[in-house]
Amino acid sequence: MSQPTIDIYTKFACPFCVRAKYLLSSKGAEFNEYDITMGGEKREEMLARAPNAMTVPQIFIGETHVGGSDDLAALDAAGKLDALLAG
C-alpha cells in the first residue's frame, strides 16, 4: 500500500508549522506544503476542508484531518502516527 497524500497548510515564520514539518520529515513522510500567509485560494481550500480551523498548521493525512502540530505530536506519542502514515 502506498503512503497517503499528506497536505499541510502553513504560514511564514510559524514555529508550530516548523515543528510539524520536522516530525513528518523525521518519519520519512513526503508532504505537500501550502503557504497561506497571504490568504488566497489555498486558505479558502483549507477552510473548506476544516471549517473551524483558525490556526496553522492544519494537517491532513489522506482523508483524515489531523489538526495542528500538537495533535500530530499527540498521535505520535500515542503510537498511532506511523500506522496513519502507512495508510
C-alpha atoms as a PDB file:
ATOM      1  CA  MET A   1       0.000   0.000   0.000  1.00  0.00           C
ATOM      2  CA  SER A   2       1.312   3.462  -0.833  1.00  0.00           C
ATOM      3  CA  GLN A   3       1.629   6.346   1.566  1.00  0.00           C
ATOM      4  CA  PRO A   4      -1.477   8.537   1.698  1.00  0.00           C
ATOM      5  CA  THR A   5      -1.268  12.100   0.428  1.00  0.00           C
ATOM      6  CA  ILE A   6      -0.262  14.494   3.196  1.00  0.00           C
ATOM      7  CA  ASP A   7      -1.231  18.162   2.966  1.00  0.00           C
ATOM      8  CA  ILE A   8      -0.043  20.765   5.449  1.00  0.00           C
ATOM      9  CA  TYR A   9      -1.209  24.382   5.407  1.00  0.00           C
ATOM     10  CA  THR A  10       1.367  26.745   6.914  1.00  0.00           C
ATOM     11  CA  LYS A  11       2.283  30.394   7.382  1.00  0.00           C
ATOM     12  CA  PHE A  12       5.658  32.120   7.194  1.00  0.00           C
ATOM     13  CA  ALA A  13       7.756  32.014  10.395  1.00  0.00           C
ATOM     14  CA  CYS A  14       5.277  29.770  12.228  1.00  0.00           C
ATOM     15  CA  PRO A  15       7.191  27.707  14.835  1.00  0.00           C
ATOM     16  CA  PHE A  16       4.349  25.185  15.124  1.00  0.00           C
ATOM     17  CA  CYS A  17       4.492  24.658  11.357  1.00  0.00           C
ATOM     18  CA  VAL A  18       8.233  24.063  11.540  1.00  0.00           C
ATOM     19  CA  ARG A  19       7.727  21.529  14.337  1.00  0.00           C
ATOM     20  CA  ALA A  20       5.033  19.631  12.432  1.00  0.00           C
ATOM     21  CA  LYS A  21       7.091  19.541   9.227  1.00  0.00           C
ATOM     22  CA  TYR A  22      10.122  18.313  11.177  1.00  0.00           C
ATOM     23  CA  LEU A  23       8.121  15.474  12.750  1.00  0.00           C
ATOM     24  CA  LEU A  24       6.707  14.402   9.392  1.00  0.00           C
ATOM     25  CA  SER A  25      10.150  14.586   7.778  1.00  0.00           C
ATOM     26  CA  SER A  26      11.694  12.570  10.614  1.00  0.00           C
ATOM     27  CA  LYS A  27       9.186   9.829   9.785  1.00  0.00           C
ATOM     28  CA  GLY A  28      10.277   9.895   6.147  1.00  0.00           C
ATOM     29  CA  ALA A  29       6.891  11.246   5.078  1.00  0.00           C
ATOM     30  CA  GLU A  30       6.609  13.352   1.958  1.00  0.00           C
ATOM     31  CA  PHE A  31       4.043  16.123   2.114  1.00  0.00           C
ATOM     32  CA  ASN A  32       2.539  18.967   0.129  1.00  0.00           C
ATOM     33  CA  GLU A  33       3.039  22.303   1.877  1.00  0.00           C
ATOM     34  CA  TYR A  34       0.701  25.192   1.142  1.00  0.00           C
ATOM     35  CA  ASP A  35       1.755  28.602   2.463  1.00  0.00           C
ATOM     36  CA  ILE A  36      -1.375  30.599   3.265  1.00  0.00           C
ATOM     37  CA  THR A  37       0.425  33.623   4.767  1.00  0.00           C
ATOM     38  CA  MET A  38      -1.149  35.939   2.233  1.00  0.00           C
ATOM     39  CA  GLY A  39      -4.511  34.165   2.182  1.00  0.00           C
ATOM     40  CA  GLY A  40      -5.814  33.289  -1.234  1.00  0.00           C
ATOM     41  CA  GLU A  41      -7.101  30.145  -2.878  1.00  0.00           C
ATOM     42  CA  LYS A  42      -5.261  27.667  -0.626  1.00  0.00           C
ATOM     43  CA  ARG A  43      -6.536  29.386   2.531  1.00  0.00           C
ATOM     44  CA  GLU A  44     -10.070  29.041   1.206  1.00  0.00           C
ATOM     45  CA  GLU A  45      -9.347  25.380   0.406  1.00  0.00           C
ATOM     46  CA  MET A  46      -8.095  24.805   3.973  1.00  0.00           C
ATOM     47  CA  LEU A  47     -11.225  26.400   5.425  1.00  0.00           C
ATOM     48  CA  ALA A  48     -13.430  24.283   3.170  1.00  0.00           C
ATOM     49  CA  ARG A  49     -11.675  21.133   4.408  1.00  0.00           C
ATOM     50  CA  ALA A  50     -11.604  22.245   8.071  1.00  0.00           C
ATOM     51  CA  PRO A  51     -14.295  24.914   8.542  1.00  0.00           C
ATOM     52  CA  ASN A  52     -13.416  25.674  12.174  1.00  0.00           C
ATOM     53  CA  ALA A  53      -9.655  25.895  11.623  1.00  0.00           C
ATOM     54  CA  MET A  54      -8.353  29.260  12.722  1.00  0.00           C
ATOM     55  CA  THR A  55      -4.701  28.366  13.299  1.00  0.00           C
ATOM     56  CA  VAL A  56      -1.860  26.799  11.368  1.00  0.00           C
ATOM     57  CA  PRO A  57      -0.606  24.315  10.680  1.00  0.00           C
ATOM     58  CA  GLN A  58      -3.603  22.317   9.555  1.00  0.00           C
ATOM     59  CA  ILE A  59      -2.575  18.799   8.624  1.00  0.00           C
ATOM     60  CA  PHE A  60      -4.436  16.260   6.529  1.00  0.00           C
ATOM     61  CA  ILE A  61      -3.239  12.687   6.077  1.00  0.00           C
ATOM     62  CA  GLY A  62      -5.296  11.105   3.340  1.00  0.00           C
ATOM     63  CA  GLU A  63      -8.897  11.955   4.168  1.00  0.00           C
ATOM     64  CA  THR A  64      -8.123  12.342   7.892  1.00  0.00           C
ATOM     65  CA  HIS A  65      -7.977  15.856   9.327  1.00  0.00           C
ATOM     66  CA  VAL A  66      -5.275  15.506  11.972  1.00  0.00           C
ATOM     67  CA  GLY A  67      -5.477  19.087  13.180  1.00  0.00           C
ATOM     68  CA  GLY A  68      -2.439  21.081  14.252  1.00  0.00           C
ATOM     69  CA  SER A  69       1.097  20.474  15.441  1.00  0.00           C
ATOM     70  CA  ASP A  70       0.072  19.429  18.964  1.00  0.00           C
ATOM     71  CA  ASP A  71      -2.458  16.972  17.525  1.00  0.00           C
ATOM     72  CA  LEU A  72       0.211  15.470  15.274  1.00  0.00           C
ATOM     73  CA  ALA A  73       2.635  15.135  18.199  1.00  0.00           C
ATOM     74  CA  ALA A  74      -0.087  13.534  20.333  1.00  0.00           C
ATOM     75  CA  LEU A  75      -0.751  10.945  17.617  1.00  0.00           C
ATOM     76  CA  ASP A  76       2.947  10.142  17.536  1.00  0.00           C
ATOM     77  CA  ALA A  77       3.178   9.902  21.325  1.00  0.00           C
ATOM     78  CA  ALA A  78       0.200   7.535  21.340  1.00  0.00           C
ATOM     79  CA  GLY A  79       1.902   5.327  18.739  1.00  0.00           C
ATOM     80  CA  LYS A  80      -0.791   5.970  16.131  1.00  0.00           C
ATOM     81  CA  LEU A  81       1.019   8.230  13.659  1.00  0.00           C
ATOM     82  CA  ASP A  82       3.090   5.553  11.931  1.00  0.00           C
ATOM     83  CA  ALA A  83       0.007   3.491  11.084  1.00  0.00           C
ATOM     84  CA  LEU A  84      -1.781   6.566   9.731  1.00  0.00           C
ATOM     85  CA  LEU A  85       1.237   7.447   7.601  1.00  0.00           C
ATOM     86  CA  ALA A  86       1.428   3.894   6.280  1.00  0.00           C
ATOM     87  CA  GLY A  87      -2.130   4.100   5.006  1.00  0.00           C
END
